[in-house]
Amino acid sequence: MCLNNPEYVKVNNKKYKINTDFRVAIECNVIAEDDNIGDTERPLAIIYKLFGDEGLNNSQDWEQLIELAIKYLCLGKELEDSTEESDMDLEKDRYYIRSSFIQDYKYNPYDMEYLHWWDFFNDLSNLSNSEFGNCCILNRVRNLRTLDVSKIKNPKEKEKILKSKKQVSLNKIQKYEISDEEKQNQDKFYDLLDGGD
């Protein structure tokens, strides 16, 4: 896999085209974290999302394809185990991300026909985040989520911040509802796994 916005991976002298749009990468992340998807189906679903029928139909390459998929989704780096609780969810924070991109970059990634996952992630990682007020909404929310309230001495201020933290908690934000088209794509995927047409 090349280091600059890869478009393909190579397994046993066979090239597989990657579906590189950032929305696909976010779907893969949702799949990876969905406890309702079994351990066998999860990697196959990610292979299908990224490499389509060609990846799914070449079972001899699945092991390498999932390794390359994970590396691609991690922007060319190895997957790291982390015990830290995440302060952001790419799906649940969609509206914060949208507003922040518009504020900082003057474009809405969700309105674009295509945006490479690595370009999206690079822009996401470089959103404004300053203690001096120049901070996008997403990073204000993330900073609030990780704020250590034990250091706040004023009880009224502490209560106010705890209330605000609760309002933007990832547990409070509604989960993403899938569209009819996504449901049909899921059904097609499971039909393929069952050997259907």
C-alpha atoms as a PDB file:
ATOM      1  CA  MET A   1       0.000   0.000   0.000  1.00  0.00           C
ATOM      2  CA  CYS A   2       1.433   3.396  -0.915  1.00  0.00           C
ATOM      3  CA  LEU A   3       1.600   6.200   1.641  1.00  0.00           C
ATOM      4  CA  ASN A   4      -0.255   8.885  -0.347  1.00  0.00           C
ATOM      5  CA  ASN A   5      -4.004   8.349  -0.589  1.00  0.00           C
ATOM      6  CA  PRO A   6      -3.988   4.722  -1.710  1.00  0.00           C
ATOM      7  CA  GLU A   7      -6.490   3.577  -4.309  1.00  0.00           C
ATOM      8  CA  TYR A   8      -5.522  -0.125  -4.488  1.00  0.00           C
ATOM      9  CA  VAL A   9      -4.063  -2.908  -2.385  1.00  0.00           C
ATOM     10  CA  LYS A  10      -2.125  -5.843  -3.745  1.00  0.00           C
ATOM     11  CA  VAL A  11      -2.493  -9.435  -2.556  1.00  0.00           C
ATOM     12  CA  ASN A  12      -0.606 -12.282  -4.253  1.00  0.00           C
ATOM     13  CA  ASN A  13       0.037 -10.195  -7.391  1.00  0.00           C
ATOM     14  CA  LYS A  14      -3.671  -9.281  -7.606  1.00  0.00           C
ATOM     15  CA  LYS A  15      -4.769  -5.649  -7.308  1.00  0.00           C
ATOM     16  CA  TYR A  16      -7.969  -4.819  -5.460  1.00  0.00           C
ATOM     17  CA  LYS A  17      -9.565  -1.398  -5.931  1.00  0.00           C
ATOM     18  CA  ILE A  18     -10.424   0.257  -2.611  1.00  0.00           C
ATOM     19  CA  ASN A  19     -13.721   2.091  -2.212  1.00  0.00           C
ATOM     20  CA  THR A  20     -11.906   5.113  -0.772  1.00  0.00           C
ATOM     21  CA  ASP A  21     -14.767   7.522  -0.075  1.00  0.00           C
ATOM     22  CA  PHE A  22     -14.736   8.658   3.561  1.00  0.00           C
ATOM     23  CA  ARG A  23     -18.380   7.613   4.057  1.00  0.00           C
ATOM     24  CA  VAL A  24     -17.371   3.994   3.371  1.00  0.00           C
ATOM     25  CA  ALA A  25     -14.607   4.210   5.974  1.00  0.00           C
ATOM     26  CA  ILE A  26     -17.117   5.540   8.503  1.00  0.00           C
ATOM     27  CA  GLU A  27     -19.476   2.648   7.650  1.00  0.00           C
ATOM     28  CA  CYS A  28     -16.565   0.243   8.244  1.00  0.00           C
ATOM     29  CA  ASN A  29     -15.992   1.837  11.634  1.00  0.00           C
ATOM     30  CA  VAL A  30     -19.678   1.400  12.514  1.00  0.00           C
ATOM     31  CA  ILE A  31     -19.480  -2.259  11.430  1.00  0.00           C
ATOM     32  CA  ALA A  32     -16.313  -2.820  13.481  1.00  0.00           C
ATOM     33  CA  GLU A  33     -17.998  -1.499  16.625  1.00  0.00           C
ATOM     34  CA  ASP A  34     -21.402  -3.160  16.157  1.00  0.00           C
ATOM     35  CA  ASP A  35     -21.800  -5.956  18.706  1.00  0.00           C
ATOM     36  CA  ASN A  36     -24.854  -7.226  16.804  1.00  0.00           C
ATOM     37  CA  ILE A  37     -22.607  -8.337  13.930  1.00  0.00           C
ATOM     38  CA  GLY A  38     -20.891 -11.674  14.519  1.00  0.00           C
ATOM     39  CA  ASP A  39     -17.117 -12.116  14.581  1.00  0.00           C
ATOM     40  CA  THR A  40     -17.220 -13.999  11.259  1.00  0.00           C
ATOM     41  CA  GLU A  41     -19.468 -11.519   9.461  1.00  0.00           C
ATOM     42  CA  ARG A  42     -17.679  -8.377  10.695  1.00  0.00           C
ATOM     43  CA  PRO A  43     -14.435  -8.785   8.686  1.00  0.00           C
ATOM     44  CA  LEU A  44     -16.376  -9.998   5.654  1.00  0.00           C
ATOM     45  CA  ALA A  45     -18.638  -6.951   5.809  1.00  0.00           C
ATOM     46  CA  ILE A  46     -15.578  -4.666   5.919  1.00  0.00           C
ATOM     47  CA  ILE A  47     -13.971  -6.534   3.013  1.00  0.00           C
ATOM     48  CA  TYR A  48     -17.197  -6.150   1.027  1.00  0.00           C
ATOM     49  CA  LYS A  49     -17.503  -2.434   1.809  1.00  0.00           C
ATOM     50  CA  LEU A  50     -13.903  -1.685   0.821  1.00  0.00           C
ATOM     51  CA  PHE A  51     -13.239  -4.179  -1.984  1.00  0.00           C
ATOM     52  CA  GLY A  52     -16.732  -5.086  -3.211  1.00  0.00           C
ATOM     53  CA  ASP A  53     -17.688  -8.407  -4.784  1.00  0.00           C
ATOM     54  CA  GLU A  54     -14.152  -9.004  -6.012  1.00  0.00           C
ATOM     55  CA  GLY A  55     -12.790  -9.036  -2.464  1.00  0.00           C
ATOM     56  CA  LEU A  56     -15.660 -11.090  -1.121  1.00  0.00           C
ATOM     57  CA  ASN A  57     -15.405 -13.686  -3.906  1.00  0.00           C
ATOM     58  CA  ASN A  58     -11.694 -14.399  -3.314  1.00  0.00           C
ATOM     59  CA  SER A  59     -11.771 -16.184   0.030  1.00  0.00           C
ATOM     60  CA  GLN A  60      -8.116 -17.208  -0.288  1.00  0.00           C
ATOM     61  CA  ASP A  61      -7.209 -13.504   0.118  1.00  0.00           C
ATOM     62  CA  TRP A  62      -9.547 -12.638   3.000  1.00  0.00           C
ATOM     63  CA  GLU A  63      -6.905 -12.779   5.723  1.00  0.00           C
ATOM     64  CA  GLN A  64      -4.568 -10.412   3.902  1.00  0.00           C
ATOM     65  CA  LEU A  65      -7.435  -8.204   2.721  1.00  0.00           C
ATOM     66  CA  ILE A  66      -8.701  -7.607   6.259  1.00  0.00           C
ATOM     67  CA  GLU A  67      -5.145  -6.820   7.434  1.00  0.00           C
ATOM     68  CA  LEU A  68      -4.756  -4.317   4.583  1.00  0.00           C
ATOM     69  CA  ALA A  69      -8.247  -2.942   5.219  1.00  0.00           C
ATOM     70  CA  ILE A  70      -7.389  -2.244   8.854  1.00  0.00           C
ATOM     71  CA  LYS A  71      -4.096  -0.645   7.868  1.00  0.00           C
ATOM     72  CA  TYR A  72      -5.875   1.490   5.254  1.00  0.00           C
ATOM     73  CA  LEU A  73      -8.567   2.553   7.740  1.00  0.00           C
ATOM     74  CA  CYS A  74      -5.786   3.441  10.233  1.00  0.00           C
ATOM     75  CA  LEU A  75      -4.147   5.675   7.603  1.00  0.00           C
ATOM     76  CA  GLY A  76      -1.253   3.346   6.866  1.00  0.00           C
ATOM     77  CA  LYS A  77      -0.387   2.709  10.518  1.00  0.00           C
ATOM     78  CA  GLU A  78      -0.725  -0.411  12.592  1.00  0.00           C
ATOM     79  CA  LEU A  79      -3.876  -0.767  14.692  1.00  0.00           C
ATOM     80  CA  GLU A  80      -3.188   0.344  18.249  1.00  0.00           C
ATOM     81  CA  ASP A  81      -4.998  -0.991  21.294  1.00  0.00           C
ATOM     82  CA  SER A  82      -6.280   1.857  23.412  1.00  0.00           C
ATOM     83  CA  THR A  83      -7.942   1.784  26.796  1.00  0.00           C
ATOM     84  CA  GLU A  84      -8.834   5.477  26.547  1.00  0.00           C
ATOM     85  CA  GLU A  85     -12.481   6.275  26.046  1.00  0.00           C
ATOM     86  CA  SER A  86     -13.027   8.039  22.750  1.00  0.00           C
ATOM     87  CA  ASP A  87     -14.085  11.677  22.814  1.00  0.00           C
ATOM     88  CA  MET A  88     -15.550  11.509  19.305  1.00  0.00           C
ATOM     89  CA  ASP A  89     -17.739   9.233  17.211  1.00  0.00           C
ATOM     90  CA  LEU A  90     -17.570   9.794  13.444  1.00  0.00           C
ATOM     91  CA  GLU A  91     -21.215   8.854  12.988  1.00  0.00           C
ATOM     92  CA  LYS A  92     -22.813  10.338  16.098  1.00  0.00           C
ATOM     93  CA  ASP A  93     -20.820  13.576  15.769  1.00  0.00           C
ATOM     94  CA  ARG A  94     -21.712  14.011  12.110  1.00  0.00           C
ATOM     95  CA  TYR A  95     -23.445  17.364  12.581  1.00  0.00           C
ATOM     96  CA  TYR A  96     -20.589  18.764  14.679  1.00  0.00           C
ATOM     97  CA  ILE A  97     -18.156  17.580  11.990  1.00  0.00           C
ATOM     98  CA  ARG A  98     -20.269  19.132   9.227  1.00  0.00           C
ATOM     99  CA  SER A  99     -20.491  22.503  10.975  1.00  0.00           C
ATOM    100  CA  SER A 100     -16.787  22.494  11.817  1.00  0.00           C
ATOM    101  CA  PHE A 101     -15.731  21.746   8.243  1.00  0.00           C
ATOM    102  CA  ILE A 102     -17.958  24.551   6.979  1.00  0.00           C
ATOM    103  CA  GLN A 103     -16.543  26.943   9.582  1.00  0.00           C
ATOM    104  CA  ASP A 104     -12.875  26.060   9.029  1.00  0.00           C
ATOM    105  CA  TYR A 105     -12.707  24.959   5.379  1.00  0.00           C
ATOM    106  CA  LYS A 106     -15.844  26.442   3.807  1.00  0.00           C
ATOM    107  CA  TYR A 107     -17.052  23.079   2.527  1.00  0.00           C
ATOM    108  CA  ASN A 108     -19.438  20.387   3.731  1.00  0.00           C
ATOM    109  CA  PRO A 109     -17.864  16.946   3.224  1.00  0.00           C
ATOM    110  CA  TYR A 110     -21.279  15.266   3.239  1.00  0.00           C
ATOM    111  CA  ASP A 111     -22.368  17.331   0.223  1.00  0.00           C
ATOM    112  CA  MET A 112     -19.346  16.281  -1.805  1.00  0.00           C
ATOM    113  CA  GLU A 113     -19.782  13.512  -4.336  1.00  0.00           C
ATOM    114  CA  TYR A 114     -16.452  12.018  -3.279  1.00  0.00           C
ATOM    115  CA  LEU A 115     -13.758  12.696  -0.681  1.00  0.00           C
ATOM    116  CA  HIS A 116     -10.890  10.271  -0.001  1.00  0.00           C
ATOM    117  CA  TRP A 117     -10.901   8.903   3.547  1.00  0.00           C
ATOM    118  CA  TRP A 118      -7.324  10.052   4.183  1.00  0.00           C
ATOM    119  CA  ASP A 119      -8.089  13.618   3.011  1.00  0.00           C
ATOM    120  CA  PHE A 120     -11.210  13.709   5.176  1.00  0.00           C
ATOM    121  CA  PHE A 121      -9.317  12.425   8.210  1.00  0.00           C
ATOM    122  CA  ASN A 122      -6.453  14.867   7.652  1.00  0.00           C
ATOM    123  CA  ASP A 123      -8.894  17.791   7.560  1.00  0.00           C
ATOM    124  CA  LEU A 124     -10.741  16.403  10.591  1.00  0.00           C
ATOM    125  CA  SER A 125      -7.473  16.153  12.532  1.00  0.00           C
ATOM    126  CA  ASN A 126      -6.523  19.741  11.705  1.00  0.00           C
ATOM    127  CA  LEU A 127      -9.746  21.489  12.649  1.00  0.00           C
ATOM    128  CA  SER A 128      -9.229  24.645  14.708  1.00  0.00           C
ATOM    129  CA  ASN A 129      -8.611  23.940  18.372  1.00  0.00           C
ATOM    130  CA  SER A 130      -7.280  26.834  20.400  1.00  0.00           C
ATOM    131  CA  GLU A 131      -7.618  27.783  24.041  1.00  0.00           C
ATOM    132  CA  PHE A 132      -7.891  31.398  22.913  1.00  0.00           C
ATOM    133  CA  GLY A 133     -11.331  31.126  21.329  1.00  0.00           C
ATOM    134  CA  ASN A 134     -10.551  30.041  17.756  1.00  0.00           C
ATOM    135  CA  CYS A 135     -12.025  26.584  18.134  1.00  0.00           C
ATOM    136  CA  CYS A 136     -14.544  24.773  15.964  1.00  0.00           C
ATOM    137  CA  ILE A 137     -17.721  23.332  17.476  1.00  0.00           C
ATOM    138  CA  LEU A 138     -16.491  19.733  17.236  1.00  0.00           C
ATOM    139  CA  ASN A 139     -13.342  20.456  19.221  1.00  0.00           C
ATOM    140  CA  ARG A 140     -15.255  22.544  21.772  1.00  0.00           C
ATOM    141  CA  VAL A 141     -17.504  19.512  22.320  1.00  0.00           C
ATOM    142  CA  ARG A 142     -14.529  17.118  22.461  1.00  0.00           C
ATOM    143  CA  ASN A 143     -12.731  19.400  24.954  1.00  0.00           C
ATOM    144  CA  LEU A 144     -15.855  19.520  27.104  1.00  0.00           C
ATOM    145  CA  ARG A 145     -16.209  15.734  27.021  1.00  0.00           C
ATOM    146  CA  THR A 146     -12.636  15.275  28.304  1.00  0.00           C
ATOM    147  CA  LEU A 147     -12.623  18.156  30.799  1.00  0.00           C
ATOM    148  CA  ASP A 148     -11.554  17.032  34.273  1.00  0.00           C
ATOM    149  CA  VAL A 149     -14.264  18.494  36.523  1.00  0.00           C
ATOM    150  CA  SER A 150     -12.466  17.395  39.692  1.00  0.00           C
ATOM    151  CA  LYS A 151     -10.204  20.434  39.306  1.00  0.00           C
ATOM    152  CA  ILE A 152     -13.138  22.869  39.375  1.00  0.00           C
ATOM    153  CA  LYS A 153     -13.560  24.276  42.881  1.00  0.00           C
ATOM    154  CA  ASN A 154     -16.673  26.413  42.416  1.00  0.00           C
ATOM    155  CA  PRO A 155     -19.714  24.127  43.002  1.00  0.00           C
ATOM    156  CA  LYS A 156     -22.038  26.142  40.736  1.00  0.00           C
ATOM    157  CA  GLU A 157     -19.514  26.178  37.907  1.00  0.00           C
ATOM    158  CA  LYS A 158     -18.881  22.455  38.396  1.00  0.00           C
ATOM    159  CA  GLU A 159     -22.613  21.671  38.261  1.00  0.00           C
ATOM    160  CA  LYS A 160     -23.017  23.785  35.119  1.00  0.00           C
ATOM    161  CA  ILE A 161     -20.152  21.988  33.385  1.00  0.00           C
ATOM    162  CA  LEU A 162     -21.412  18.544  34.444  1.00  0.00           C
ATOM    163  CA  LYS A 163     -24.813  19.413  32.969  1.00  0.00           C
ATOM    164  CA  SER A 164     -23.142  20.531  29.711  1.00  0.00           C
ATOM    165  CA  LYS A 165     -21.009  17.371  29.593  1.00  0.00           C
ATOM    166  CA  LYS A 166     -24.148  15.282  29.956  1.00  0.00           C
ATOM    167  CA  GLN A 167     -25.816  17.135  27.055  1.00  0.00           C
ATOM    168  CA  VAL A 168     -22.959  16.319  24.652  1.00  0.00           C
ATOM    169  CA  SER A 169     -22.203  12.847  25.985  1.00  0.00           C
ATOM    170  CA  LEU A 170     -21.711  10.234  23.276  1.00  0.00           C
ATOM    171  CA  ASN A 171     -24.141   8.000  25.156  1.00  0.00           C
ATOM    172  CA  LYS A 172     -26.871  10.649  24.809  1.00  0.00           C
ATOM    173  CA  ILE A 173     -26.501  11.245  21.076  1.00  0.00           C
ATOM    174  CA  GLN A 174     -28.913   9.172  19.013  1.00  0.00           C
ATOM    175  CA  LYS A 175     -27.516   6.296  16.985  1.00  0.00           C
ATOM    176  CA  TYR A 176     -27.549   6.616  13.226  1.00  0.00           C
ATOM    177  CA  GLU A 177     -30.644   5.205  11.527  1.00  0.00           C
ATOM    178  CA  ILE A 178     -29.908   3.364   8.283  1.00  0.00           C
ATOM    179  CA  SER A 179     -31.698   4.364   5.109  1.00  0.00           C
ATOM    180  CA  ASP A 180     -33.740   2.001   2.913  1.00  0.00           C
ATOM    181  CA  GLU A 181     -30.905   1.950   0.366  1.00  0.00           C
ATOM    182  CA  GLU A 182     -28.372   0.955   3.047  1.00  0.00           C
ATOM    183  CA  LYS A 183     -30.785  -1.728   4.276  1.00  0.00           C
ATOM    184  CA  GLN A 184     -31.073  -3.109   0.717  1.00  0.00           C
ATOM    185  CA  ASN A 185     -27.257  -3.132   0.431  1.00  0.00           C
ATOM    186  CA  GLN A 186     -27.022  -5.029   3.724  1.00  0.00           C
ATOM    187  CA  ASP A 187     -29.614  -7.542   2.507  1.00  0.00           C
ATOM    188  CA  LYS A 188     -27.646  -7.989  -0.743  1.00  0.00           C
ATOM    189  CA  PHE A 189     -24.465  -8.565   1.249  1.00  0.00           C
ATOM    190  CA  TYR A 190     -26.082 -11.262   3.416  1.00  0.00           C
ATOM    191  CA  ASP A 191     -27.604 -12.872   0.302  1.00  0.00           C
ATOM    192  CA  LEU A 192     -24.092 -13.102  -1.163  1.00  0.00           C
ATOM    193  CA  LEU A 193     -22.831 -14.746   2.022  1.00  0.00           C
ATOM    194  CA  ASP A 194     -25.668 -17.266   1.841  1.00  0.00           C
ATOM    195  CA  GLY A 195     -24.785 -18.064  -1.786  1.00  0.00           C
ATOM    196  CA  GLY A 196     -27.828 -16.289  -3.255  1.00  0.00           C
ATOM    197  CA  ASP A 197     -27.959 -14.069  -6.339  1.00  0.00           C
END
